[in-house]
Amino acid sequence: MQFASFSDFLAMGGYGFYVWLSFGSCALILLGIFFSSWFDSKQLKSAIREQMAREARIKQAREEAKA
């Protein structure tokens, strides 16, 4: 489908509001999913680092108790 002008493209034959609203809402949802996943992965990596540090402290304390 070809449009005569850029304003005709934005109008989408009278359905522009619905078309651009659906594109915008889809973009917002995808951005929300991306940032939520990014935040969750940061939290998970932090929890793993804390767990590894805790296990290292426990291992060190056990070795000191044996000595």
N, C-alpha and C. Protein backbone atom coordinates (compact mmCIF):
# COMPACT_ATOMS: atom_id res chain seq x y z
N MET A 1 0.85 -1.18 0.00
CA MET A 1 0.00 0.00 0.00
C MET A 1 0.89 1.23 0.00
N GLN A 2 0.63 2.15 -0.90
CA GLN A 2 1.41 3.37 -0.99
C GLN A 2 0.57 4.55 -0.52
N PHE A 3 1.25 5.51 0.07
CA PHE A 3 0.58 6.71 0.58
C PHE A 3 1.06 7.91 -0.20
N ALA A 4 0.17 8.87 -0.39
CA ALA A 4 0.50 10.06 -1.17
C ALA A 4 1.41 11.00 -0.41
N SER A 5 1.30 11.02 0.92
CA SER A 5 2.13 11.92 1.72
C SER A 5 2.38 11.28 3.08
N PHE A 6 3.25 11.92 3.83
CA PHE A 6 3.57 11.41 5.16
C PHE A 6 2.36 11.51 6.09
N SER A 7 1.55 12.56 5.94
CA SER A 7 0.36 12.69 6.78
C SER A 7 -0.66 11.59 6.45
N ASP A 8 -0.74 11.18 5.18
CA ASP A 8 -1.60 10.05 4.83
C ASP A 8 -1.07 8.76 5.46
N PHE A 9 0.24 8.64 5.50
CA PHE A 9 0.84 7.47 6.15
C PHE A 9 0.47 7.44 7.63
N LEU A 10 0.58 8.59 8.30
CA LEU A 10 0.24 8.64 9.72
C LEU A 10 -1.25 8.40 9.96
N ALA A 11 -2.10 8.86 9.02
CA ALA A 11 -3.54 8.69 9.17
C ALA A 11 -3.97 7.25 8.93
N MET A 12 -3.21 6.50 8.15
CA MET A 12 -3.48 5.09 7.86
C MET A 12 -4.93 4.87 7.40
N GLY A 13 -5.38 5.71 6.52
CA GLY A 13 -6.72 5.54 5.97
C GLY A 13 -7.83 5.72 6.98
N GLY A 14 -7.59 6.56 7.98
CA GLY A 14 -8.60 6.80 9.02
C GLY A 14 -8.43 5.92 10.25
N TYR A 15 -7.52 4.96 10.19
CA TYR A 15 -7.30 4.06 11.32
C TYR A 15 -5.98 4.33 12.03
N GLY A 16 -5.39 5.47 11.76
CA GLY A 16 -4.09 5.80 12.32
C GLY A 16 -4.04 5.77 13.83
N PHE A 17 -5.09 6.29 14.47
CA PHE A 17 -5.12 6.32 15.94
C PHE A 17 -4.97 4.91 16.50
N TYR A 18 -5.73 3.98 15.96
CA TYR A 18 -5.69 2.60 16.46
C TYR A 18 -4.38 1.90 16.11
N VAL A 19 -3.89 2.16 14.91
CA VAL A 19 -2.64 1.54 14.48
C VAL A 19 -1.49 2.01 15.35
N TRP A 20 -1.35 3.32 15.52
CA TRP A 20 -0.23 3.85 16.29
C TRP A 20 -0.39 3.58 17.78
N LEU A 21 -1.63 3.52 18.25
CA LEU A 21 -1.86 3.15 19.64
C LEU A 21 -1.42 1.71 19.89
N SER A 22 -1.71 0.83 18.96
CA SER A 22 -1.29 -0.58 19.13
C SER A 22 0.23 -0.71 19.04
N PHE A 23 0.86 0.01 18.11
CA PHE A 23 2.32 -0.02 18.04
C PHE A 23 2.95 0.55 19.31
N GLY A 24 2.42 1.65 19.80
CA GLY A 24 2.95 2.27 21.01
C GLY A 24 2.79 1.39 22.23
N SER A 25 1.60 0.80 22.39
CA SER A 25 1.39 -0.06 23.55
C SER A 25 2.27 -1.31 23.48
N CYS A 26 2.44 -1.85 22.28
CA CYS A 26 3.32 -3.01 22.12
C CYS A 26 4.76 -2.64 22.48
N ALA A 27 5.21 -1.47 22.03
CA ALA A 27 6.57 -1.03 22.34
C ALA A 27 6.76 -0.85 23.84
N LEU A 28 5.76 -0.26 24.51
CA LEU A 28 5.86 -0.06 25.96
C LEU A 28 5.89 -1.40 26.70
N ILE A 29 5.08 -2.34 26.26
CA ILE A 29 5.07 -3.65 26.90
C ILE A 29 6.42 -4.35 26.72
N LEU A 30 6.96 -4.30 25.50
CA LEU A 30 8.26 -4.94 25.26
C LEU A 30 9.37 -4.27 26.06
N LEU A 31 9.34 -2.94 26.16
CA LEU A 31 10.34 -2.25 26.98
C LEU A 31 10.19 -2.63 28.45
N GLY A 32 8.96 -2.75 28.91
CA GLY A 32 8.72 -3.16 30.29
C GLY A 32 9.27 -4.54 30.57
N ILE A 33 9.04 -5.46 29.64
CA ILE A 33 9.56 -6.82 29.79
C ILE A 33 11.09 -6.81 29.80
N PHE A 34 11.68 -6.01 28.89
CA PHE A 34 13.14 -5.94 28.82
C PHE A 34 13.73 -5.42 30.13
N PHE A 35 13.21 -4.30 30.64
CA PHE A 35 13.77 -3.73 31.86
C PHE A 35 13.48 -4.59 33.08
N SER A 36 12.33 -5.25 33.10
CA SER A 36 12.03 -6.17 34.20
C SER A 36 13.01 -7.34 34.21
N SER A 37 13.28 -7.89 33.05
CA SER A 37 14.24 -9.00 32.95
C SER A 37 15.64 -8.55 33.33
N TRP A 38 16.01 -7.37 32.90
CA TRP A 38 17.33 -6.83 33.21
C TRP A 38 17.48 -6.64 34.72
N PHE A 39 16.46 -6.06 35.36
CA PHE A 39 16.50 -5.84 36.80
C PHE A 39 16.54 -7.17 37.55
N ASP A 40 15.73 -8.14 37.11
CA ASP A 40 15.72 -9.45 37.77
C ASP A 40 17.06 -10.16 37.63
N SER A 41 17.69 -10.03 36.47
CA SER A 41 18.99 -10.70 36.29
C SER A 41 20.05 -10.05 37.18
N LYS A 42 19.98 -8.72 37.34
CA LYS A 42 20.92 -8.06 38.25
C LYS A 42 20.72 -8.55 39.67
N GLN A 43 19.48 -8.70 40.11
CA GLN A 43 19.20 -9.18 41.45
C GLN A 43 19.67 -10.62 41.63
N LEU A 44 19.45 -11.46 40.62
CA LEU A 44 19.87 -12.85 40.70
C LEU A 44 21.38 -12.97 40.77
N LYS A 45 22.10 -12.20 39.95
CA LYS A 45 23.56 -12.22 39.99
C LYS A 45 24.08 -11.76 41.34
N SER A 46 23.43 -10.76 41.90
CA SER A 46 23.84 -10.26 43.22
C SER A 46 23.60 -11.34 44.29
N ALA A 47 22.47 -12.01 44.22
CA ALA A 47 22.18 -13.07 45.19
C ALA A 47 23.17 -14.22 45.06
N ILE A 48 23.57 -14.55 43.84
CA ILE A 48 24.55 -15.61 43.63
C ILE A 48 25.90 -15.21 44.21
N ARG A 49 26.31 -13.95 43.99
CA ARG A 49 27.57 -13.47 44.56
C ARG A 49 27.54 -13.53 46.08
N GLU A 50 26.42 -13.13 46.68
CA GLU A 50 26.29 -13.17 48.13
C GLU A 50 26.36 -14.61 48.65
N GLN A 51 25.69 -15.53 47.95
CA GLN A 51 25.71 -16.93 48.36
C GLN A 51 27.12 -17.51 48.26
N MET A 52 27.83 -17.18 47.19
CA MET A 52 29.21 -17.69 47.05
C MET A 52 30.11 -17.12 48.13
N ALA A 53 29.95 -15.85 48.47
CA ALA A 53 30.75 -15.25 49.54
C ALA A 53 30.43 -15.89 50.89
N ARG A 54 29.15 -16.16 51.12
CA ARG A 54 28.72 -16.80 52.37
C ARG A 54 29.31 -18.20 52.47
N GLU A 55 29.28 -18.96 51.38
CA GLU A 55 29.84 -20.31 51.39
C GLU A 55 31.35 -20.27 51.60
N ALA A 56 32.02 -19.27 51.04
CA ALA A 56 33.47 -19.14 51.24
C ALA A 56 33.79 -18.83 52.69
N ARG A 57 32.97 -17.98 53.32
CA ARG A 57 33.19 -17.66 54.74
C ARG A 57 32.96 -18.90 55.61
N ILE A 58 31.95 -19.68 55.28
CA ILE A 58 31.67 -20.90 56.06
C ILE A 58 32.82 -21.89 55.90
N LYS A 59 33.31 -22.05 54.68
CA LYS A 59 34.42 -22.97 54.42
C LYS A 59 35.68 -22.51 55.17
N GLN A 60 35.93 -21.20 55.16
CA GLN A 60 37.10 -20.68 55.85
C GLN A 60 36.96 -20.88 57.36
N ALA A 61 35.78 -20.68 57.89
CA ALA A 61 35.57 -20.86 59.33
C ALA A 61 35.76 -22.33 59.72
N ARG A 62 35.31 -23.25 58.87
CA ARG A 62 35.50 -24.67 59.16
C ARG A 62 36.97 -25.05 59.14
N GLU A 63 37.72 -24.49 58.17
CA GLU A 63 39.16 -24.79 58.09
C GLU A 63 39.89 -24.22 59.30
N GLU A 64 39.49 -23.03 59.76
CA GLU A 64 40.13 -22.44 60.94
C GLU A 64 39.80 -23.23 62.19
N ALA A 65 38.59 -23.79 62.25
CA ALA A 65 38.19 -24.58 63.42
C ALA A 65 38.97 -25.89 63.49
N LYS A 66 39.32 -26.46 62.33
CA LYS A 66 40.09 -27.71 62.31
C LYS A 66 41.54 -27.46 62.71
N ALA A 67 42.06 -26.27 62.46
CA ALA A 67 43.48 -26.00 62.72
C ALA A 67 43.75 -25.66 64.14
